[in-house]
Amino acid sequence: MLSSFTSVLLPVLVLGVVYILLTGLLRFTHDENEPPLALDSIPFLEPIIQLLTRKHKLWLYLRDQSDRPIYTIRLPGVRCYAVNDSSLVLAVDRQIKVLSFAPIEASATAGTLGTTEVTNEIMRRDPTGSNGHFTTFHRAVRPHLSPGLGLDGMVQKSLGAMEMSLWDAQQSGVQTVGFFSWVRHAVLLATTDGEYGPGNPFRDPSFEKAWFKFLPGVPIMASGILPQLFARESLRAREFLAQSFEAYFHDGHHLNGSAALLARIDHGVTAGLPAADRARGEVGSSMALVNNTVPAAFWLLYHIFSDPALLAECRAELPKACSVEEDGTRTIDLAYVRSSCPTLNSTLLEVFRYYGIGTVLIRQVVEDHKLNGTYLLKKGSYVLMPNVTQHYSPKIWGSDVQSFNPKRFCSAKRTDPAGLRVFGGGTLLCPGRHFANNVILAFAAHVLLRLDIRPVPKHQHDYSRAWDPLKMESSLGLGVAKVFMLPAQDPEVEIRGRVPDEVWRVRLL
């Protein structure tokens, strides 16, 4: 009897002692000048439990629980500061030297791409200095992704691929497809053609298949948490992709690629990166290129086609952007679409806000720093800025923040500059945002003018079926180079050409 009682009591006592010791350690190692603690009822473990339970909604839960401007989260061996207040988000953006992404970028890049130690050492060297690898990399590449000849060349190649893809859809009668899969394939080829030109490796079906096997394992590879165990298939796919890019360069296809691609290669050569690692670098560049353009284009088209009033309004805006050439070709003026189609542009921005919540912007504290002169951030810690906190803030967007409102951005009223973080912020504002906007709007204009899309009828000739509501995936919201939430299902739709023989193209300028 006593033995049985002891066997029950002893583990309870041990757990109690461990709990008291961990609680004491947590309190003793927390400076009173740091942001207040959160998720500390089970020391060091509650953040993990809550994240696995609540997923990306954890950040909203924490914000709504206390509405603190910033708070501290302690994990085993890791100290994080999660930012709620938009003014503090902007304050973090300004501290580019002491709150830096560069050390994280070096580590995550090495893990994700499997680069050699030669390259890893180059990436780690002087990460926050003006001559650090990533600083000089962005300095070399950004001009070619900013408005100008380099960007125009990329967009023009993308438009050519887009026009061919949609011509096939327009001519093929009624097609039954998975809507997301169809958009994904078309936008993937359009964006990568813009970057890689006629030798685009994504044109190989085996490469595209490997690409989608690679992506699920990226967070594990970036974190370095036993990728050989938890991301084995992704690692195999990565090696296939890297070898394919090596062949792409060996065959000289890059010479017909974009100005940004050539700038990346020149920078890698100058930095001393081995040729094999320069090829691996393109796996990372492709993630930045396509991971967010595809879901944004899909959600835009889904919301427009599933809302008859919105579809009619967007289609009513577009004819003013069109002209008919002497040979009968219909030309869409992309500059007009960008500047003078308010409902279409507002819907796209609402897609950015509503679905661009799949990541947490992160910085490493390089040295002890008092944020805004108030909150002590300790060296070696991490600053977390979840997109969902700002994108779903009632203070910024109003009481309907949880609803998708396509007219939200039709007003000229300026919003909080920290309220929309889909392209990052500060010096890390995504250089590819101009390319992404052009491709998404051009694709949407093409589809709206050339195609009809409706859900597959449940019964023959039953064409009155409404679209089913489509939910977002259940995600931790810790995407690596993945800002947007994906759809939880791939709805079946019928696609048909509106006027099959019409020829369309897009004029960039």
Protein backbone atom coordinates (compact mmCIF):
# COMPACT_ATOMS: atom_id res chain seq x y z
CA MET A 1 0.00 0.00 0.00
CA LEU A 2 2.77 2.41 0.99
CA SER A 3 4.78 1.44 -2.09
CA SER A 4 1.80 2.18 -4.34
CA PHE A 5 1.24 5.55 -2.66
CA THR A 6 4.93 6.44 -3.02
CA SER A 7 4.96 5.52 -6.71
CA VAL A 8 2.18 8.06 -7.31
CA LEU A 9 3.43 10.77 -4.99
CA LEU A 10 7.07 10.76 -6.02
CA PRO A 11 6.52 11.80 -9.67
CA VAL A 12 4.13 14.53 -8.49
CA LEU A 13 6.73 15.85 -6.06
CA VAL A 14 9.45 15.74 -8.72
CA LEU A 15 7.23 17.63 -11.18
CA GLY A 16 6.41 20.17 -8.48
CA VAL A 17 10.09 20.75 -7.69
CA VAL A 18 10.95 21.04 -11.40
CA TYR A 19 8.08 23.49 -11.90
CA ILE A 20 9.22 25.65 -8.97
CA LEU A 21 12.84 25.62 -10.19
CA LEU A 22 11.88 26.53 -13.77
CA THR A 23 9.54 29.28 -12.58
CA GLY A 24 12.33 30.66 -10.42
CA LEU A 25 14.78 30.48 -13.32
CA LEU A 26 12.30 32.28 -15.58
CA ARG A 27 11.73 35.09 -13.07
CA PHE A 28 15.40 35.37 -12.06
CA THR A 29 16.63 35.70 -15.65
CA HIS A 30 13.96 38.22 -16.68
CA ASP A 31 15.05 41.85 -16.37
CA GLU A 32 12.41 44.24 -15.05
CA ASN A 33 13.19 46.57 -17.96
CA GLU A 34 12.34 43.90 -20.53
CA PRO A 35 8.82 43.70 -21.94
CA PRO A 36 6.46 41.82 -19.58
CA LEU A 37 6.33 38.04 -19.74
CA ALA A 38 3.55 36.19 -21.55
CA LEU A 39 2.72 32.48 -21.82
CA ASP A 40 4.64 31.71 -18.64
CA SER A 41 2.21 29.54 -16.65
CA ILE A 42 4.18 26.46 -17.80
CA PRO A 43 7.71 27.89 -17.89
CA PHE A 44 9.45 27.68 -21.29
CA LEU A 45 6.94 25.15 -22.67
CA GLU A 46 3.62 26.98 -22.79
CA PRO A 47 4.54 28.98 -25.93
CA ILE A 48 5.14 25.72 -27.81
CA ILE A 49 1.91 24.17 -26.54
CA GLN A 50 -0.13 27.26 -27.39
CA LEU A 51 1.41 27.61 -30.87
CA LEU A 52 0.64 24.00 -31.75
CA THR A 53 -2.91 24.45 -30.41
CA ARG A 54 -3.86 27.90 -31.70
CA LYS A 55 -1.50 28.05 -34.71
CA HIS A 56 -1.30 31.50 -36.38
CA LYS A 57 -4.21 32.75 -34.26
CA LEU A 58 -1.96 32.61 -31.19
CA TRP A 59 -0.77 36.16 -31.88
CA LEU A 60 -4.34 37.50 -31.96
CA TYR A 61 -5.11 35.64 -28.74
CA LEU A 62 -2.11 37.23 -27.01
CA ARG A 63 -2.97 40.68 -28.33
CA ASP A 64 -6.58 40.43 -27.23
CA GLN A 65 -5.68 39.02 -23.81
CA SER A 66 -3.67 42.03 -22.66
CA ASP A 67 -3.19 44.45 -25.56
CA ARG A 68 0.39 45.08 -24.43
CA PRO A 69 2.57 46.99 -26.91
CA ILE A 70 5.26 44.30 -26.68
CA TYR A 71 5.83 41.21 -24.54
CA THR A 72 8.49 38.59 -23.83
CA ILE A 73 8.12 34.92 -24.74
CA ARG A 74 10.63 32.45 -23.30
CA LEU A 75 11.39 29.15 -25.00
CA PRO A 76 14.08 26.64 -24.02
CA GLY A 77 17.31 28.52 -24.69
CA VAL A 78 15.57 31.26 -26.68
CA ARG A 79 14.24 34.68 -25.70
CA CYS A 80 11.75 36.38 -28.03
CA TYR A 81 9.96 39.73 -27.99
CA ALA A 82 6.64 39.82 -29.85
CA VAL A 83 5.48 43.25 -31.01
CA ASN A 84 1.81 44.27 -30.98
CA ASP A 85 1.91 48.04 -31.32
CA SER A 86 2.29 49.42 -34.85
CA SER A 87 4.47 52.33 -33.70
CA LEU A 88 6.92 49.84 -32.20
CA VAL A 89 6.94 47.88 -35.48
CA LEU A 90 8.13 51.03 -37.23
CA ALA A 91 10.66 51.63 -34.45
CA VAL A 92 12.09 48.14 -35.07
CA ASP A 93 12.31 48.89 -38.81
CA ARG A 94 14.44 51.96 -38.09
CA GLN A 95 17.04 50.09 -36.01
CA ILE A 96 18.66 48.29 -38.94
CA LYS A 97 22.06 47.83 -37.25
CA VAL A 98 21.09 46.55 -33.81
CA LEU A 99 17.89 44.73 -34.85
CA SER A 100 19.03 42.87 -37.92
CA PHE A 101 17.76 40.15 -40.21
CA ALA A 102 21.18 39.43 -41.72
CA PRO A 103 22.43 36.89 -39.13
CA ILE A 104 19.14 34.98 -39.44
CA GLU A 105 19.27 35.17 -43.23
CA ALA A 106 22.73 33.61 -43.30
CA SER A 107 21.75 30.69 -41.08
CA ALA A 108 18.37 30.03 -42.72
CA THR A 109 19.83 30.24 -46.23
CA ALA A 110 22.55 27.73 -45.42
CA GLY A 111 20.04 25.28 -43.94
CA THR A 112 17.45 25.67 -46.67
CA LEU A 113 19.79 25.48 -49.65
CA GLY A 114 22.46 23.09 -48.34
CA THR A 115 25.35 25.34 -49.36
CA THR A 116 29.00 24.48 -48.73
CA GLU A 117 30.98 25.74 -45.75
CA VAL A 118 32.89 28.06 -48.12
CA THR A 119 29.65 29.85 -48.96
CA ASN A 120 28.35 29.69 -45.40
CA GLU A 121 31.47 31.44 -44.12
CA ILE A 122 31.09 34.18 -46.74
CA MET A 123 27.43 34.68 -45.75
CA ARG A 124 28.29 34.90 -42.04
CA ARG A 125 31.08 37.43 -42.53
CA ASP A 126 30.25 40.93 -41.20
CA PRO A 127 26.47 40.32 -41.52
CA THR A 128 25.36 43.78 -40.39
CA GLY A 129 28.17 45.77 -42.03
CA SER A 130 27.92 47.76 -45.24
CA ASN A 131 30.08 45.16 -47.00
CA GLY A 132 28.30 42.10 -45.62
CA HIS A 133 27.24 39.49 -48.17
CA PHE A 134 23.50 40.13 -48.05
CA THR A 135 23.93 43.91 -47.88
CA THR A 136 25.96 43.94 -51.08
CA PHE A 137 23.65 41.33 -52.64
CA HIS A 138 20.55 43.48 -52.17
CA ARG A 139 22.46 46.55 -53.31
CA ALA A 140 23.40 44.76 -56.54
CA VAL A 141 20.00 43.27 -57.34
CA ARG A 142 17.45 45.86 -56.18
CA PRO A 143 17.95 48.34 -59.06
CA HIS A 144 16.97 45.65 -61.58
CA LEU A 145 13.71 44.94 -59.75
CA SER A 146 12.77 48.61 -59.36
CA PRO A 147 10.74 50.39 -62.07
CA GLY A 148 12.95 50.61 -65.15
CA LEU A 149 14.26 48.61 -68.09
CA GLY A 150 15.24 45.54 -66.05
CA LEU A 151 11.80 45.18 -64.49
CA ASP A 152 10.08 45.91 -67.81
CA GLY A 153 12.04 43.11 -69.47
CA MET A 154 10.97 40.63 -66.78
CA VAL A 155 7.31 41.63 -66.98
CA GLN A 156 7.33 41.49 -70.79
CA LYS A 157 8.58 37.89 -70.78
CA SER A 158 5.97 36.98 -68.18
CA LEU A 159 3.23 38.52 -70.29
CA GLY A 160 4.28 36.43 -73.28
CA ALA A 161 4.00 33.21 -71.26
CA MET A 162 0.70 34.34 -69.79
CA GLU A 163 -0.82 35.11 -73.19
CA MET A 164 0.12 31.66 -74.52
CA SER A 165 -1.27 29.88 -71.46
CA LEU A 166 -4.58 31.72 -71.55
CA TRP A 167 -4.90 31.33 -75.32
CA ASP A 168 -4.85 27.57 -74.76
CA ALA A 169 -7.54 27.88 -72.08
CA GLN A 170 -9.61 30.15 -74.30
CA GLN A 171 -9.50 27.69 -77.21
CA SER A 172 -10.07 24.45 -75.29
CA GLY A 173 -13.84 24.58 -74.83
CA VAL A 174 -15.10 23.75 -71.35
CA GLN A 175 -12.37 22.48 -69.02
CA THR A 176 -12.95 21.05 -65.55
CA VAL A 177 -9.94 21.81 -63.36
CA GLY A 178 -8.88 22.35 -59.80
CA PHE A 179 -9.02 26.15 -59.59
CA PHE A 180 -5.97 26.59 -57.38
CA SER A 181 -3.92 24.04 -59.35
CA TRP A 182 -4.79 25.76 -62.62
CA VAL A 183 -3.85 29.23 -61.33
CA ARG A 184 -0.71 27.86 -59.69
CA HIS A 185 0.59 26.29 -62.89
CA ALA A 186 -0.18 29.30 -65.09
CA VAL A 187 1.27 31.91 -62.73
CA LEU A 188 4.27 29.73 -61.86
CA LEU A 189 5.28 29.51 -65.52
CA ALA A 190 4.58 33.18 -66.20
CA THR A 191 6.67 34.44 -63.28
CA THR A 192 9.58 32.06 -63.84
CA ASP A 193 9.65 32.71 -67.59
CA GLY A 194 10.10 36.37 -66.70
CA GLU A 195 13.15 35.48 -64.60
CA TYR A 196 14.77 32.59 -66.48
CA GLY A 197 13.78 33.17 -70.10
CA PRO A 198 13.41 30.51 -72.83
CA GLY A 199 15.47 27.90 -70.92
CA ASN A 200 13.26 28.18 -67.83
CA PRO A 201 13.76 24.92 -65.87
CA PHE A 202 10.22 25.18 -64.47
CA ARG A 203 9.00 24.27 -67.97
CA ASP A 204 10.12 20.69 -67.25
CA PRO A 205 7.20 18.87 -65.55
CA SER A 206 9.62 16.84 -63.42
CA PHE A 207 11.17 20.08 -62.14
CA GLU A 208 7.76 21.52 -61.27
CA LYS A 209 6.83 18.29 -59.50
CA ALA A 210 10.07 18.38 -57.48
CA TRP A 211 9.42 22.02 -56.61
CA PHE A 212 6.19 21.20 -54.82
CA LYS A 213 7.86 18.33 -52.97
CA PHE A 214 10.60 20.70 -51.82
CA LEU A 215 8.42 23.47 -50.38
CA PRO A 216 6.76 21.68 -47.41
CA GLY A 217 10.12 20.97 -45.79
CA VAL A 218 11.52 24.50 -46.06
CA PRO A 219 10.65 25.62 -42.48
CA ILE A 220 12.32 22.50 -41.08
CA MET A 221 15.42 22.93 -43.25
CA ALA A 222 15.66 26.63 -42.38
CA SER A 223 15.43 25.90 -38.66
CA GLY A 224 17.89 23.01 -38.84
CA ILE A 225 15.66 20.80 -36.67
CA LEU A 226 16.59 17.29 -37.86
CA PRO A 227 15.78 17.82 -41.57
CA GLN A 228 17.20 14.37 -42.42
CA LEU A 229 14.43 12.92 -40.28
CA PHE A 230 11.51 15.32 -40.78
CA ALA A 231 12.13 16.66 -44.32
CA ARG A 232 13.72 13.74 -46.14
CA GLU A 233 11.60 14.02 -49.30
CA SER A 234 12.14 17.79 -49.46
CA LEU A 235 15.91 17.29 -49.21
CA ARG A 236 15.87 14.86 -52.14
CA ALA A 237 13.76 17.30 -54.18
CA ARG A 238 16.16 20.14 -53.32
CA GLU A 239 19.11 18.19 -54.72
CA PHE A 240 17.23 17.57 -57.96
CA LEU A 241 16.37 21.27 -58.26
CA ALA A 242 19.97 22.32 -57.57
CA GLN A 243 21.32 19.93 -60.21
CA SER A 244 18.77 21.22 -62.73
CA PHE A 245 19.87 24.80 -62.11
CA GLU A 246 23.50 23.72 -62.55
CA ALA A 247 22.56 22.30 -65.96
CA TYR A 248 20.68 25.53 -66.77
CA PHE A 249 23.83 27.57 -66.18
CA HIS A 250 26.14 25.05 -67.84
CA ASP A 251 24.05 25.24 -71.02
CA GLY A 252 24.17 29.05 -71.02
CA HIS A 253 20.42 29.59 -70.66
CA HIS A 254 21.02 32.30 -68.05
CA LEU A 255 22.36 34.57 -70.79
CA ASN A 256 18.74 35.01 -71.91
CA GLY A 257 17.49 35.52 -68.37
CA SER A 258 16.51 38.72 -66.57
CA ALA A 259 18.82 41.55 -65.58
CA ALA A 260 18.18 40.65 -61.92
CA LEU A 261 19.35 37.07 -62.55
CA LEU A 262 22.55 38.27 -64.22
CA ALA A 263 23.17 40.67 -61.32
CA ARG A 264 22.79 37.80 -58.85
CA ILE A 265 25.28 35.68 -60.75
CA ASP A 266 27.79 38.52 -61.04
CA HIS A 267 27.50 39.18 -57.32
CA GLY A 268 28.04 35.52 -56.50
CA VAL A 269 31.12 35.30 -58.71
CA THR A 270 32.58 38.46 -57.18
CA ALA A 271 31.87 37.16 -53.66
CA GLY A 272 33.69 33.91 -54.42
CA LEU A 273 30.73 31.53 -54.22
CA PRO A 274 31.33 28.14 -55.89
CA ALA A 275 29.33 27.57 -59.08
CA ALA A 276 27.29 24.78 -57.46
CA ASP A 277 26.23 27.13 -54.65
CA ARG A 278 25.28 29.86 -57.11
CA ALA A 279 22.93 27.31 -58.67
CA ARG A 280 21.53 26.45 -55.23
CA GLY A 281 20.98 30.15 -54.67
CA GLU A 282 18.44 30.13 -57.49
CA VAL A 283 16.30 27.68 -55.53
CA GLY A 284 16.04 30.38 -52.86
CA SER A 285 15.47 33.15 -55.39
CA SER A 286 12.66 31.13 -56.98
CA MET A 287 10.95 30.84 -53.60
CA ALA A 288 10.92 34.61 -53.29
CA LEU A 289 9.71 34.89 -56.88
CA VAL A 290 6.71 32.55 -56.90
CA ASN A 291 5.68 31.60 -53.36
CA ASN A 292 3.50 34.66 -52.86
CA THR A 293 2.51 35.65 -56.40
CA VAL A 294 0.63 32.38 -56.91
CA PRO A 295 -1.67 32.44 -53.83
CA ALA A 296 -2.33 36.17 -54.18
CA ALA A 297 -3.45 35.70 -57.80
CA PHE A 298 -5.65 32.78 -56.79
CA TRP A 299 -7.40 34.54 -53.90
CA LEU A 300 -7.99 37.61 -56.08
CA LEU A 301 -9.71 35.58 -58.79
CA TYR A 302 -11.62 33.45 -56.29
CA HIS A 303 -13.16 36.47 -54.58
CA ILE A 304 -14.03 38.19 -57.84
CA PHE A 305 -15.62 35.19 -59.56
CA SER A 306 -17.46 34.02 -56.44
CA ASP A 307 -19.12 37.44 -55.99
CA PRO A 308 -21.35 38.30 -59.01
CA ALA A 309 -21.59 41.99 -58.08
CA LEU A 310 -17.83 42.31 -57.66
CA LEU A 311 -17.24 40.43 -60.92
CA ALA A 312 -19.56 42.81 -62.78
CA GLU A 313 -17.87 45.86 -61.26
CA CYS A 314 -14.33 44.71 -62.05
CA ARG A 315 -15.30 43.79 -65.60
CA ALA A 316 -16.95 47.19 -66.03
CA GLU A 317 -13.66 48.91 -65.11
CA LEU A 318 -11.49 47.02 -67.57
CA PRO A 319 -12.87 47.96 -71.04
CA LYS A 320 -11.49 51.48 -70.61
CA ALA A 321 -8.04 49.89 -70.40
CA CYS A 322 -8.54 48.12 -73.74
CA SER A 323 -8.07 49.10 -77.36
CA VAL A 324 -8.44 47.20 -80.64
CA GLU A 325 -5.54 47.16 -83.11
CA GLU A 326 -5.97 47.21 -86.90
CA ASP A 327 -5.52 43.43 -87.06
CA GLY A 328 -8.25 42.93 -84.45
CA THR A 329 -5.90 42.21 -81.55
CA ARG A 330 -7.29 43.49 -78.27
CA THR A 331 -4.68 45.24 -76.15
CA ILE A 332 -4.86 45.78 -72.38
CA ASP A 333 -3.02 48.85 -71.09
CA LEU A 334 -1.45 47.62 -67.85
CA ALA A 335 -0.56 51.14 -66.71
CA TYR A 336 -4.27 52.04 -66.90
CA VAL A 337 -5.23 48.89 -64.97
CA ARG A 338 -2.79 49.86 -62.20
CA SER A 339 -3.96 53.46 -61.97
CA SER A 340 -7.63 53.54 -62.95
CA CYS A 341 -9.36 50.31 -61.93
CA PRO A 342 -10.08 51.11 -58.27
CA THR A 343 -12.24 48.10 -57.41
CA LEU A 344 -9.80 45.59 -58.90
CA ASN A 345 -6.84 47.22 -57.15
CA SER A 346 -8.71 47.51 -53.86
CA THR A 347 -9.64 43.83 -54.00
CA LEU A 348 -5.99 42.92 -54.53
CA LEU A 349 -4.89 45.02 -51.56
CA GLU A 350 -7.58 43.37 -49.43
CA VAL A 351 -6.20 39.99 -50.52
CA PHE A 352 -2.79 41.19 -49.32
CA ARG A 353 -4.28 42.21 -45.97
CA TYR A 354 -6.62 39.31 -45.36
CA TYR A 355 -4.47 36.42 -46.55
CA GLY A 356 -0.96 37.83 -46.11
CA ILE A 357 -0.71 36.50 -42.57
CA GLY A 358 1.33 33.36 -43.10
CA THR A 359 4.60 34.63 -41.68
CA VAL A 360 6.26 36.37 -38.76
CA LEU A 361 8.83 39.04 -39.62
CA ILE A 362 11.86 38.45 -37.43
CA ARG A 363 14.99 40.34 -36.38
CA GLN A 364 17.94 39.36 -34.19
CA VAL A 365 19.10 41.68 -31.41
CA VAL A 366 22.79 42.25 -32.19
CA GLU A 367 23.49 44.23 -29.00
CA ASP A 368 21.48 45.26 -25.94
CA HIS A 369 19.02 47.94 -27.02
CA LYS A 370 16.21 49.98 -25.45
CA LEU A 371 13.42 50.11 -28.00
CA ASN A 372 11.91 53.60 -28.09
CA GLY A 373 14.00 54.27 -24.99
CA THR A 374 11.62 52.10 -22.94
CA TYR A 375 11.87 48.35 -23.51
CA LEU A 376 15.16 46.52 -22.97
CA LEU A 377 15.90 44.00 -25.72
CA LYS A 378 18.76 41.68 -24.83
CA LYS A 379 21.58 40.72 -27.18
CA GLY A 380 21.03 37.38 -28.92
CA SER A 381 17.25 37.55 -28.58
CA TYR A 382 14.74 37.73 -31.40
CA VAL A 383 12.09 40.33 -32.22
CA LEU A 384 8.90 38.87 -33.71
CA MET A 385 6.44 40.94 -35.75
CA PRO A 386 3.52 38.68 -36.78
CA ASN A 387 1.75 39.96 -39.88
CA VAL A 388 -1.60 38.84 -38.53
CA THR A 389 -1.34 41.22 -35.56
CA GLN A 390 -1.25 44.29 -37.81
CA HIS A 391 -3.38 42.97 -40.68
CA TYR A 392 -6.19 42.07 -38.27
CA SER A 393 -5.96 45.09 -35.98
CA PRO A 394 -9.35 46.75 -35.30
CA LYS A 395 -7.50 49.95 -34.37
CA ILE A 396 -6.10 50.15 -37.89
CA TRP A 397 -8.84 48.59 -40.04
CA GLY A 398 -12.06 49.01 -38.06
CA SER A 399 -14.61 46.69 -36.53
CA ASP A 400 -15.04 44.58 -39.70
CA VAL A 401 -11.38 43.54 -39.65
CA GLN A 402 -12.27 39.82 -39.64
CA SER A 403 -14.30 40.18 -42.85
CA PHE A 404 -13.05 40.30 -46.44
CA ASN A 405 -14.12 43.71 -47.77
CA PRO A 406 -13.08 44.26 -51.42
CA LYS A 407 -13.92 47.97 -51.20
CA ARG A 408 -11.76 48.60 -48.12
CA PHE A 409 -9.01 50.31 -50.12
CA CYS A 410 -11.23 52.30 -52.49
CA SER A 411 -11.02 55.22 -50.09
CA ALA A 412 -8.06 57.55 -50.59
CA LYS A 413 -7.62 57.74 -46.81
CA ARG A 414 -4.06 56.79 -45.84
CA THR A 415 -3.78 53.85 -43.46
CA ASP A 416 -1.25 53.19 -40.73
CA PRO A 417 2.07 52.55 -42.55
CA ALA A 418 2.63 49.46 -40.38
CA GLY A 419 -0.86 48.13 -41.08
CA LEU A 420 -0.04 46.29 -44.31
CA ARG A 421 3.16 44.24 -44.05
CA VAL A 422 2.77 41.76 -46.88
CA PHE A 423 5.97 43.00 -48.52
CA GLY A 424 7.85 43.49 -45.26
CA GLY A 425 9.04 46.92 -44.20
CA GLY A 426 11.94 49.28 -43.69
CA THR A 427 15.15 48.42 -45.52
CA LEU A 428 13.80 44.89 -46.04
CA LEU A 429 10.85 45.98 -48.16
CA CYS A 430 10.54 43.23 -50.78
CA PRO A 431 12.33 44.31 -53.99
CA GLY A 432 10.11 42.01 -56.06
CA ARG A 433 6.86 43.73 -55.11
CA HIS A 434 6.65 45.71 -58.38
CA PHE A 435 7.07 42.54 -60.44
CA ALA A 436 4.49 40.67 -58.35
CA ASN A 437 1.91 43.46 -58.65
CA ASN A 438 2.35 43.67 -62.42
CA VAL A 439 2.06 39.92 -62.94
CA ILE A 440 -0.98 39.53 -60.67
CA LEU A 441 -2.90 42.44 -62.18
CA ALA A 442 -2.06 41.45 -65.76
CA PHE A 443 -3.13 37.86 -65.11
CA ALA A 444 -6.36 38.95 -63.44
CA ALA A 445 -7.21 41.36 -66.28
CA HIS A 446 -6.56 38.65 -68.88
CA VAL A 447 -8.72 36.09 -67.08
CA LEU A 448 -11.60 38.48 -66.38
CA LEU A 449 -11.79 39.63 -70.00
CA ARG A 450 -11.15 36.29 -71.71
CA LEU A 451 -12.63 33.56 -69.54
CA ASP A 452 -15.73 32.57 -67.60
CA ILE A 453 -15.14 30.51 -64.45
CA ARG A 454 -17.85 28.89 -62.36
CA PRO A 455 -18.09 26.02 -59.88
CA VAL A 456 -18.76 22.60 -61.38
CA PRO A 457 -22.55 22.01 -61.25
CA LYS A 458 -23.69 19.23 -58.93
CA HIS A 459 -26.32 18.20 -61.48
CA GLN A 460 -26.21 18.38 -65.27
CA HIS A 461 -27.23 21.79 -66.63
CA ASP A 462 -27.54 23.18 -63.09
CA TYR A 463 -25.58 26.37 -63.68
CA SER A 464 -27.12 28.35 -60.83
CA ARG A 465 -24.88 26.77 -58.19
CA ALA A 466 -23.28 29.30 -55.85
CA TRP A 467 -19.64 29.10 -54.91
CA ASP A 468 -18.87 27.27 -51.69
CA PRO A 469 -17.07 29.34 -49.04
CA LEU A 470 -13.35 28.56 -49.12
CA LYS A 471 -11.32 28.48 -45.93
CA MET A 472 -7.64 29.15 -45.40
CA GLU A 473 -5.28 26.33 -44.53
CA SER A 474 -4.63 25.61 -40.86
CA SER A 475 -1.08 26.86 -40.47
CA LEU A 476 1.37 27.82 -37.75
CA GLY A 477 1.91 31.06 -39.66
CA LEU A 478 5.69 30.67 -39.59
CA GLY A 479 6.25 30.59 -43.35
CA VAL A 480 9.77 31.00 -44.73
CA ALA A 481 9.55 33.20 -47.85
CA LYS A 482 5.83 32.35 -47.73
CA VAL A 483 3.60 35.22 -46.70
CA PHE A 484 0.18 34.09 -47.91
CA MET A 485 -2.11 31.46 -46.47
CA LEU A 486 -3.09 28.80 -49.01
CA PRO A 487 -6.64 27.54 -49.57
CA ALA A 488 -7.66 24.50 -47.52
CA GLN A 489 -9.27 22.90 -50.60
CA ASP A 490 -8.81 23.08 -54.37
CA PRO A 491 -12.33 23.81 -55.67
CA GLU A 492 -13.37 22.19 -58.95
CA VAL A 493 -14.41 24.72 -61.57
CA GLU A 494 -15.39 24.91 -65.21
CA ILE A 495 -13.35 27.28 -67.37
CA ARG A 496 -14.44 28.36 -70.84
CA GLY A 497 -13.44 31.10 -73.26
CA ARG A 498 -15.84 34.02 -73.52
CA VAL A 499 -15.05 34.67 -77.21
CA PRO A 500 -12.71 31.86 -78.33
CA ASP A 501 -11.25 33.54 -81.42
CA GLU A 502 -10.30 36.87 -79.82
CA VAL A 503 -6.57 37.56 -79.59
CA TRP A 504 -5.39 39.47 -76.53
CA ARG A 505 -2.14 40.97 -75.37
CA VAL A 506 -1.00 43.34 -72.62
CA ARG A 507 0.89 46.55 -73.24
CA LEU A 508 3.25 47.36 -70.41
CA LEU A 509 3.75 51.09 -70.97
